[in-house]
PDB file of N, CA and C in Angstrom:
ATOM      1  N   MET A   1     -19.893 -21.747 -20.618  1.00  0.00           N
ATOM      2  CA  MET A   1     -20.016 -20.316 -20.834  1.00  0.00           C
ATOM      3  C   MET A   1     -21.102 -19.742 -19.923  1.00  0.00           C
ATOM      4  N   GLY A   2     -21.249 -20.258 -18.780  1.00  0.00           N
ATOM      5  CA  GLY A   2     -22.244 -19.769 -17.838  1.00  0.00           C
ATOM      6  C   GLY A   2     -21.668 -18.702 -16.927  1.00  0.00           C
ATOM      7  N   PHE A   3     -22.552 -17.939 -16.364  1.00  0.00           N
ATOM      8  CA  PHE A   3     -22.139 -16.899 -15.418  1.00  0.00           C
ATOM      9  C   PHE A   3     -22.006 -17.516 -14.030  1.00  0.00           C
ATOM     10  N   GLU A   4     -20.955 -17.140 -13.370  1.00  0.00           N
ATOM     11  CA  GLU A   4     -20.782 -17.610 -12.009  1.00  0.00           C
ATOM     12  C   GLU A   4     -21.508 -16.670 -11.056  1.00  0.00           C
ATOM     13  N   LEU A   5     -21.889 -17.202  -9.942  1.00  0.00           N
ATOM     14  CA  LEU A   5     -22.623 -16.419  -8.955  1.00  0.00           C
ATOM     15  C   LEU A   5     -21.779 -15.269  -8.420  1.00  0.00           C
ATOM     16  N   SER A   6     -20.486 -15.469  -8.285  1.00  0.00           N
ATOM     17  CA  SER A   6     -19.618 -14.406  -7.758  1.00  0.00           C
ATOM     18  C   SER A   6     -19.543 -13.224  -8.728  1.00  0.00           C
ATOM     19  N   ILE A   7     -19.577 -13.480 -10.018  1.00  0.00           N
ATOM     20  CA  ILE A   7     -19.542 -12.396 -11.007  1.00  0.00           C
ATOM     21  C   ILE A   7     -20.845 -11.611 -10.953  1.00  0.00           C
ATOM     22  N   ILE A   8     -21.953 -12.290 -10.854  1.00  0.00           N
ATOM     23  CA  ILE A   8     -23.252 -11.615 -10.781  1.00  0.00           C
ATOM     24  C   ILE A   8     -23.340 -10.776  -9.509  1.00  0.00           C
ATOM     25  N   LEU A   9     -22.878 -11.323  -8.380  1.00  0.00           N
ATOM     26  CA  LEU A   9     -22.889 -10.562  -7.128  1.00  0.00           C
ATOM     27  C   LEU A   9     -21.950  -9.361  -7.198  1.00  0.00           C
ATOM     28  N   ALA A  10     -20.823  -9.505  -7.869  1.00  0.00           N
ATOM     29  CA  ALA A  10     -19.889  -8.385  -8.015  1.00  0.00           C
ATOM     30  C   ALA A  10     -20.524  -7.265  -8.844  1.00  0.00           C
ATOM     31  N   TYR A  11     -21.189  -7.614  -9.925  1.00  0.00           N
ATOM     32  CA  TYR A  11     -21.886  -6.605 -10.731  1.00  0.00           C
ATOM     33  C   TYR A  11     -22.998  -5.927  -9.930  1.00  0.00           C
ATOM     34  N   ALA A  12     -23.763  -6.711  -9.181  1.00  0.00           N
ATOM     35  CA  ALA A  12     -24.841  -6.151  -8.371  1.00  0.00           C
ATOM     36  C   ALA A  12     -24.279  -5.208  -7.304  1.00  0.00           C
ATOM     37  N   PHE A  13     -23.196  -5.611  -6.658  1.00  0.00           N
ATOM     38  CA  PHE A  13     -22.565  -4.754  -5.656  1.00  0.00           C
ATOM     39  C   PHE A  13     -22.039  -3.476  -6.303  1.00  0.00           C
ATOM     40  N   GLY A  14     -21.447  -3.582  -7.468  1.00  0.00           N
ATOM     41  CA  GLY A  14     -20.947  -2.408  -8.181  1.00  0.00           C
ATOM     42  C   GLY A  14     -22.064  -1.447  -8.554  1.00  0.00           C
ATOM     43  N   LEU A  15     -23.201  -1.975  -9.006  1.00  0.00           N
ATOM     44  CA  LEU A  15     -24.335  -1.120  -9.356  1.00  0.00           C
ATOM     45  C   LEU A  15     -24.912  -0.425  -8.127  1.00  0.00           C
ATOM     46  N   ILE A  16     -25.003  -1.158  -7.021  1.00  0.00           N
ATOM     47  CA  ILE A  16     -25.507  -0.559  -5.782  1.00  0.00           C
ATOM     48  C   ILE A  16     -24.561   0.519  -5.292  1.00  0.00           C
ATOM     49  N   LEU A  17     -23.275   0.251  -5.352  1.00  0.00           N
ATOM     50  CA  LEU A  17     -22.275   1.240  -4.945  1.00  0.00           C
ATOM     51  C   LEU A  17     -22.323   2.470  -5.842  1.00  0.00           C
ATOM     52  N   LEU A  18     -22.466   2.276  -7.142  1.00  0.00           N
ATOM     53  CA  LEU A  18     -22.573   3.405  -8.071  1.00  0.00           C
ATOM     54  C   LEU A  18     -23.819   4.235  -7.786  1.00  0.00           C
ATOM     55  N   TYR A  19     -24.937   3.578  -7.475  1.00  0.00           N
ATOM     56  CA  TYR A  19     -26.168   4.281  -7.130  1.00  0.00           C
ATOM     57  C   TYR A  19     -25.982   5.114  -5.868  1.00  0.00           C
ATOM     58  N   MET A  20     -25.339   4.547  -4.857  1.00  0.00           N
ATOM     59  CA  MET A  20     -25.143   5.265  -3.590  1.00  0.00           C
ATOM     60  C   MET A  20     -24.205   6.454  -3.774  1.00  0.00           C
ATOM     61  N   ILE A  21     -23.156   6.318  -4.547  1.00  0.00           N
ATOM     62  CA  ILE A  21     -22.243   7.436  -4.803  1.00  0.00           C
ATOM     63  C   ILE A  21     -22.963   8.543  -5.569  1.00  0.00           C
ATOM     64  N   GLY A  22     -23.760   8.165  -6.559  1.00  0.00           N
ATOM     65  CA  GLY A  22     -24.534   9.150  -7.311  1.00  0.00           C
ATOM     66  C   GLY A  22     -25.521   9.890  -6.427  1.00  0.00           C
ATOM     67  N   TRP A  23     -26.143   9.177  -5.503  1.00  0.00           N
ATOM     68  CA  TRP A  23     -27.108   9.808  -4.600  1.00  0.00           C
ATOM     69  C   TRP A  23     -26.414  10.783  -3.657  1.00  0.00           C
ATOM     70  N   VAL A  24     -25.233  10.410  -3.163  1.00  0.00           N
ATOM     71  CA  VAL A  24     -24.488  11.288  -2.257  1.00  0.00           C
ATOM     72  C   VAL A  24     -24.017  12.540  -2.996  1.00  0.00           C
ATOM     73  N   LEU A  25     -23.636  12.408  -4.243  1.00  0.00           N
ATOM     74  CA  LEU A  25     -23.183  13.564  -5.015  1.00  0.00           C
ATOM     75  C   LEU A  25     -24.336  14.442  -5.482  1.00  0.00           C
ATOM     76  N   LEU A  26     -25.539  13.896  -5.558  1.00  0.00           N
ATOM     77  CA  LEU A  26     -26.690  14.662  -6.029  1.00  0.00           C
ATOM     78  C   LEU A  26     -27.191  15.653  -4.990  1.00  0.00           C
ATOM     79  N   ILE A  27     -27.040  15.364  -3.716  1.00  0.00           N
ATOM     80  CA  ILE A  27     -27.530  16.250  -2.656  1.00  0.00           C
ATOM     81  C   ILE A  27     -26.857  17.614  -2.707  1.00  0.00           C
ATOM     82  N   PRO A  28     -25.518  17.717  -2.811  1.00  0.00           N
ATOM     83  CA  PRO A  28     -24.907  19.053  -2.901  1.00  0.00           C
ATOM     84  C   PRO A  28     -25.305  19.802  -4.174  1.00  0.00           C
ATOM     85  N   ILE A  29     -25.537  19.076  -5.261  1.00  0.00           N
ATOM     86  CA  ILE A  29     -25.951  19.735  -6.495  1.00  0.00           C
ATOM     87  C   ILE A  29     -27.326  20.361  -6.315  1.00  0.00           C
ATOM     88  N   LYS A  30     -28.229  19.680  -5.628  1.00  0.00           N
ATOM     89  CA  LYS A  30     -29.549  20.239  -5.364  1.00  0.00           C
ATOM     90  C   LYS A  30     -29.435  21.497  -4.499  1.00  0.00           C
ATOM     91  N   LEU A  31     -28.558  21.471  -3.503  1.00  0.00           N
ATOM     92  CA  LEU A  31     -28.361  22.625  -2.640  1.00  0.00           C
ATOM     93  C   LEU A  31     -27.789  23.799  -3.422  1.00  0.00           C
ATOM     94  N   ILE A  32     -26.824  23.538  -4.267  1.00  0.00           N
ATOM     95  CA  ILE A  32     -26.224  24.602  -5.075  1.00  0.00           C
ATOM     96  C   ILE A  32     -27.244  25.176  -6.045  1.00  0.00           C
ATOM     97  N   MET A  33     -28.035  24.325  -6.670  1.00  0.00           N
ATOM     98  CA  MET A  33     -29.057  24.817  -7.602  1.00  0.00           C
ATOM     99  C   MET A  33     -30.107  25.653  -6.869  1.00  0.00           C
ATOM    100  N   ARG A  34     -30.448  25.264  -5.656  1.00  0.00           N
ATOM    101  CA  ARG A  34     -31.423  26.037  -4.884  1.00  0.00           C
ATOM    102  C   ARG A  34     -30.858  27.407  -4.516  1.00  0.00           C
ATOM    103  N   LEU A  35     -29.569  27.461  -4.129  1.00  0.00           N
ATOM    104  CA  LEU A  35     -28.944  28.742  -3.821  1.00  0.00           C
ATOM    105  C   LEU A  35     -28.859  29.634  -5.054  1.00  0.00           C
ATOM    106  N   ILE A  36     -28.553  29.053  -6.202  1.00  0.00           N
ATOM    107  CA  ILE A  36     -28.507  29.844  -7.441  1.00  0.00           C
ATOM    108  C   ILE A  36     -29.893  30.377  -7.770  1.00  0.00           C
ATOM    109  N   TRP A  37     -30.911  29.532  -7.642  1.00  0.00           N
ATOM    110  CA  TRP A  37     -32.286  29.964  -7.933  1.00  0.00           C
ATOM    111  C   TRP A  37     -32.708  31.087  -6.985  1.00  0.00           C
ATOM    112  N   ASN A  38     -32.429  30.933  -5.684  1.00  0.00           N
ATOM    113  CA  ASN A  38     -32.759  31.984  -4.723  1.00  0.00           C
ATOM    114  C   ASN A  38     -32.013  33.270  -5.043  1.00  0.00           C
ATOM    115  N   GLY A  39     -30.764  33.152  -5.450  1.00  0.00           N
ATOM    116  CA  GLY A  39     -29.978  34.331  -5.783  1.00  0.00           C
ATOM    117  C   GLY A  39     -30.522  35.075  -6.978  1.00  0.00           C
ATOM    118  N   VAL A  40     -30.928  34.340  -8.005  1.00  0.00           N
ATOM    119  CA  VAL A  40     -31.477  34.973  -9.206  1.00  0.00           C
ATOM    120  C   VAL A  40     -32.804  35.654  -8.895  1.00  0.00           C
ATOM    121  N   ILE A  41     -33.689  34.946  -8.220  1.00  0.00           N
ATOM    122  CA  ILE A  41     -34.994  35.516  -7.878  1.00  0.00           C
ATOM    123  C   ILE A  41     -34.827  36.699  -6.925  1.00  0.00           C
ATOM    124  N   GLY A  42     -33.941  36.575  -5.936  1.00  0.00           N
ATOM    125  CA  GLY A  42     -33.694  37.667  -4.997  1.00  0.00           C
ATOM    126  C   GLY A  42     -33.115  38.888  -5.694  1.00  0.00           C
ATOM    127  N   GLY A  43     -32.182  38.672  -6.628  1.00  0.00           N
ATOM    128  CA  GLY A  43     -31.610  39.789  -7.378  1.00  0.00           C
ATOM    129  C   GLY A  43     -32.639  40.495  -8.243  1.00  0.00           C
ATOM    130  N   ILE A  44     -33.501  39.725  -8.885  1.00  0.00           N
ATOM    131  CA  ILE A  44     -34.564  40.328  -9.700  1.00  0.00           C
ATOM    132  C   ILE A  44     -35.518  41.120  -8.815  1.00  0.00           C
ATOM    133  N   MET A  45     -35.872  40.563  -7.651  1.00  0.00           N
ATOM    134  CA  MET A  45     -36.754  41.281  -6.729  1.00  0.00           C
ATOM    135  C   MET A  45     -36.098  42.556  -6.215  1.00  0.00           C
ATOM    136  N   LEU A  46     -34.801  42.502  -5.955  1.00  0.00           N
ATOM    137  CA  LEU A  46     -34.071  43.679  -5.484  1.00  0.00           C
ATOM    138  C   LEU A  46     -34.082  44.772  -6.544  1.00  0.00           C
ATOM    139  N   LEU A  47     -33.879  44.392  -7.788  1.00  0.00           N
ATOM    140  CA  LEU A  47     -33.936  45.380  -8.870  1.00  0.00           C
ATOM    141  C   LEU A  47     -35.347  45.944  -9.046  1.00  0.00           C
ATOM    142  N   LEU A  48     -36.356  45.069  -8.950  1.00  0.00           N
ATOM    143  CA  LEU A  48     -37.742  45.546  -9.076  1.00  0.00           C
ATOM    144  C   LEU A  48     -38.103  46.496  -7.946  1.00  0.00           C
ATOM    145  N   VAL A  49     -37.652  46.191  -6.733  1.00  0.00           N
ATOM    146  CA  VAL A  49     -37.927  47.086  -5.608  1.00  0.00           C
ATOM    147  C   VAL A  49     -37.261  48.432  -5.854  1.00  0.00           C
ATOM    148  N   ASN A  50     -36.050  48.421  -6.384  1.00  0.00           N
ATOM    149  CA  ASN A  50     -35.363  49.683  -6.637  1.00  0.00           C
ATOM    150  C   ASN A  50     -36.018  50.468  -7.767  1.00  0.00           C
ATOM    151  N   PHE A  51     -36.458  49.787  -8.825  1.00  0.00           N
ATOM    152  CA  PHE A  51     -37.085  50.495  -9.942  1.00  0.00           C
ATOM    153  C   PHE A  51     -38.472  51.007  -9.579  1.00  0.00           C
ATOM    154  N   ILE A  52     -39.307  50.131  -9.042  1.00  0.00           N
ATOM    155  CA  ILE A  52     -40.683  50.504  -8.729  1.00  0.00           C
ATOM    156  C   ILE A  52     -40.745  51.341  -7.458  1.00  0.00           C
ATOM    157  N   GLY A  53     -39.940  50.982  -6.464  1.00  0.00           N
ATOM    158  CA  GLY A  53     -39.942  51.719  -5.208  1.00  0.00           C
ATOM    159  C   GLY A  53     -39.353  53.110  -5.321  1.00  0.00           C
ATOM    160  N   GLY A  54     -38.606  53.363  -6.389  1.00  0.00           N
ATOM    161  CA  GLY A  54     -38.038  54.695  -6.583  1.00  0.00           C
ATOM    162  C   GLY A  54     -39.105  55.773  -6.692  1.00  0.00           C
ATOM    163  N   MET A  55     -40.290  55.422  -7.131  1.00  0.00           N
ATOM    164  CA  MET A  55     -41.385  56.387  -7.229  1.00  0.00           C
ATOM    165  C   MET A  55     -41.852  56.839  -5.849  1.00  0.00           C
ATOM    166  N   TRP A  56     -41.716  55.972  -4.858  1.00  0.00           N
ATOM    167  CA  TRP A  56     -42.166  56.286  -3.497  1.00  0.00           C
ATOM    168  C   TRP A  56     -41.016  56.544  -2.539  1.00  0.00           C
ATOM    169  N   GLY A  57     -39.805  56.589  -3.051  1.00  0.00           N
ATOM    170  CA  GLY A  57     -38.651  56.852  -2.197  1.00  0.00           C
ATOM    171  C   GLY A  57     -38.126  55.628  -1.473  1.00  0.00           C
ATOM    172  N   ILE A  58     -38.494  54.444  -1.944  1.00  0.00           N
ATOM    173  CA  ILE A  58     -38.004  53.204  -1.342  1.00  0.00           C
ATOM    174  C   ILE A  58     -36.832  52.722  -2.177  1.00  0.00           C
ATOM    175  N   TYR A  59     -35.683  52.561  -1.544  1.00  0.00           N
ATOM    176  CA  TYR A  59     -34.486  52.156  -2.255  1.00  0.00           C
ATOM    177  C   TYR A  59     -33.627  51.285  -1.343  1.00  0.00           C
ATOM    178  N   ILE A  60     -33.170  50.156  -1.869  1.00  0.00           N
ATOM    179  CA  ILE A  60     -32.259  49.282  -1.132  1.00  0.00           C
ATOM    180  C   ILE A  60     -30.928  49.321  -1.868  1.00  0.00           C
ATOM    181  N   ALA A  61     -29.883  49.726  -1.172  1.00  0.00           N
ATOM    182  CA  ALA A  61     -28.562  49.779  -1.788  1.00  0.00           C
ATOM    183  C   ALA A  61     -28.095  48.374  -2.145  1.00  0.00           C
ATOM    184  N   ILE A  62     -27.469  48.250  -3.283  1.00  0.00           N
ATOM    185  CA  ILE A  62     -26.936  46.955  -3.695  1.00  0.00           C
ATOM    186  C   ILE A  62     -25.467  46.912  -3.300  1.00  0.00           C
ATOM    187  N   ASN A  63     -25.175  46.162  -2.251  1.00  0.00           N
ATOM    188  CA  ASN A  63     -23.816  45.976  -1.763  1.00  0.00           C
ATOM    189  C   ASN A  63     -23.615  44.495  -1.458  1.00  0.00           C
ATOM    190  N   PRO A  64     -22.410  44.079  -1.116  1.00  0.00           N
ATOM    191  CA  PRO A  64     -22.180  42.638  -0.904  1.00  0.00           C
ATOM    192  C   PRO A  64     -23.040  42.013   0.201  1.00  0.00           C
ATOM    193  N   ILE A  65     -23.300  42.742   1.276  1.00  0.00           N
ATOM    194  CA  ILE A  65     -24.110  42.185   2.374  1.00  0.00           C
ATOM    195  C   ILE A  65     -25.550  41.974   1.909  1.00  0.00           C
ATOM    196  N   ASN A  66     -26.115  42.976   1.262  1.00  0.00           N
ATOM    197  CA  ASN A  66     -27.488  42.842   0.766  1.00  0.00           C
ATOM    198  C   ASN A  66     -27.576  41.758  -0.309  1.00  0.00           C
ATOM    199  N   ALA A  67     -26.540  41.633  -1.132  1.00  0.00           N
ATOM    200  CA  ALA A  67     -26.534  40.584  -2.153  1.00  0.00           C
ATOM    201  C   ALA A  67     -26.494  39.202  -1.511  1.00  0.00           C
ATOM    202  N   LEU A  68     -25.736  39.051  -0.431  1.00  0.00           N
ATOM    203  CA  LEU A  68     -25.696  37.757   0.266  1.00  0.00           C
ATOM    204  C   LEU A  68     -27.033  37.425   0.913  1.00  0.00           C
ATOM    205  N   VAL A  69     -27.658  38.428   1.536  1.00  0.00           N
ATOM    206  CA  VAL A  69     -28.954  38.192   2.191  1.00  0.00           C
ATOM    207  C   VAL A  69     -29.991  37.776   1.157  1.00  0.00           C
ATOM    208  N   THR A  70     -30.064  38.500   0.045  1.00  0.00           N
ATOM    209  CA  THR A  70     -31.046  38.140  -0.977  1.00  0.00           C
ATOM    210  C   THR A  70     -30.659  36.855  -1.695  1.00  0.00           C
ATOM    211  N   GLY A  71     -29.365  36.570  -1.789  1.00  0.00           N
ATOM    212  CA  GLY A  71     -28.934  35.340  -2.434  1.00  0.00           C
ATOM    213  C   GLY A  71     -29.284  34.103  -1.627  1.00  0.00           C
ATOM    214  N   PHE A  72     -29.128  34.163  -0.321  1.00  0.00           N
ATOM    215  CA  PHE A  72     -29.443  33.005   0.518  1.00  0.00           C
ATOM    216  C   PHE A  72     -30.935  32.882   0.789  1.00  0.00           C
ATOM    217  N   LEU A  73     -31.601  33.996   0.983  1.00  0.00           N
ATOM    218  CA  LEU A  73     -33.003  33.935   1.396  1.00  0.00           C
ATOM    219  C   LEU A  73     -33.997  34.153   0.260  1.00  0.00           C
ATOM    220  N   GLY A  74     -33.572  34.775  -0.829  1.00  0.00           N
ATOM    221  CA  GLY A  74     -34.479  35.013  -1.949  1.00  0.00           C
ATOM    222  C   GLY A  74     -35.452  36.137  -1.629  1.00  0.00           C
ATOM    223  N   VAL A  75     -36.718  35.925  -1.948  1.00  0.00           N
ATOM    224  CA  VAL A  75     -37.757  36.936  -1.743  1.00  0.00           C
ATOM    225  C   VAL A  75     -37.910  37.303  -0.259  1.00  0.00           C
ATOM    226  N   PRO A  76     -37.899  36.349   0.679  1.00  0.00           N
ATOM    227  CA  PRO A  76     -37.963  36.758   2.090  1.00  0.00           C
ATOM    228  C   PRO A  76     -36.784  37.642   2.495  1.00  0.00           C
ATOM    229  N   GLY A  77     -35.634  37.474   1.858  1.00  0.00           N
ATOM    230  CA  GLY A  77     -34.490  38.334   2.139  1.00  0.00           C
ATOM    231  C   GLY A  77     -34.737  39.766   1.727  1.00  0.00           C
ATOM    232  N   VAL A  78     -35.398  39.961   0.589  1.00  0.00           N
ATOM    233  CA  VAL A  78     -35.732  41.318   0.146  1.00  0.00           C
ATOM    234  C   VAL A  78     -36.730  41.943   1.104  1.00  0.00           C
ATOM    235  N   ILE A  79     -37.706  41.170   1.542  1.00  0.00           N
ATOM    236  CA  ILE A  79     -38.688  41.678   2.504  1.00  0.00           C
ATOM    237  C   ILE A  79     -38.003  42.021   3.821  1.00  0.00           C
ATOM    238  N   LEU A  80     -37.059  41.178   4.250  1.00  0.00           N
ATOM    239  CA  LEU A  80     -36.296  41.450   5.469  1.00  0.00           C
ATOM    240  C   LEU A  80     -35.520  42.746   5.344  1.00  0.00           C
ATOM    241  N   LEU A  81     -34.885  42.970   4.212  1.00  0.00           N
ATOM    242  CA  LEU A  81     -34.122  44.211   4.009  1.00  0.00           C
ATOM    243  C   LEU A  81     -35.044  45.424   4.007  1.00  0.00           C
ATOM    244  N   LEU A  82     -36.228  45.293   3.424  1.00  0.00           N
ATOM    245  CA  LEU A  82     -37.187  46.402   3.445  1.00  0.00           C
ATOM    246  C   LEU A  82     -37.626  46.708   4.872  1.00  0.00           C
ATOM    247  N   LEU A  83     -37.906  45.669   5.648  1.00  0.00           N
ATOM    248  CA  LEU A  83     -38.307  45.878   7.038  1.00  0.00           C
ATOM    249  C   LEU A  83     -37.178  46.494   7.852  1.00  0.00           C
ATOM    250  N   LEU A  84     -35.958  46.033   7.657  1.00  0.00           N
ATOM    251  CA  LEU A  84     -34.822  46.604   8.381  1.00  0.00           C
ATOM    252  C   LEU A  84     -34.603  48.068   8.015  1.00  0.00           C
ATOM    253  N   GLN A  85     -34.788  48.397   6.748  1.00  0.00           N
ATOM    254  CA  GLN A  85     -34.635  49.781   6.322  1.00  0.00           C
ATOM    255  C   GLN A  85     -35.731  50.651   6.936  1.00  0.00           C
ATOM    256  N   TYR A  86     -36.943  50.115   7.029  1.00  0.00           N
ATOM    257  CA  TYR A  86     -38.049  50.863   7.604  1.00  0.00           C
ATOM    258  C   TYR A  86     -37.825  51.097   9.100  1.00  0.00           C
ATOM    259  N   ILE A  87     -37.338  50.056   9.797  1.00  0.00           N
ATOM    260  CA  ILE A  87     -37.116  50.160  11.245  1.00  0.00           C
ATOM    261  C   ILE A  87     -35.942  51.071  11.565  1.00  0.00           C
ATOM    262  N   LEU A  88     -34.863  50.929  10.819  1.00  0.00           N
ATOM    263  CA  LEU A  88     -33.666  51.714  11.104  1.00  0.00           C
ATOM    264  C   LEU A  88     -33.738  53.016  10.350  1.00  0.00           C
TER     265      LEU A  88
END
């Protein structure tokens, strides 16, 4: 009732393979979570700029392009949109 070396090596290979597959699948999840986090923070900043900036006449329209910029870049995206609005 002993374990053979081939069975132990097969289990070890299976565990290593499972670890590598899990690691490969974890990278896209981290990227997606980062994009979601940037999108949420960027959206909140966009709303705050519109609410607080309304007192001084600063307003950024919420449209699909601005939503994409703030979604990918987060807070720097909102600053970029403010600078572009000031320049143009």
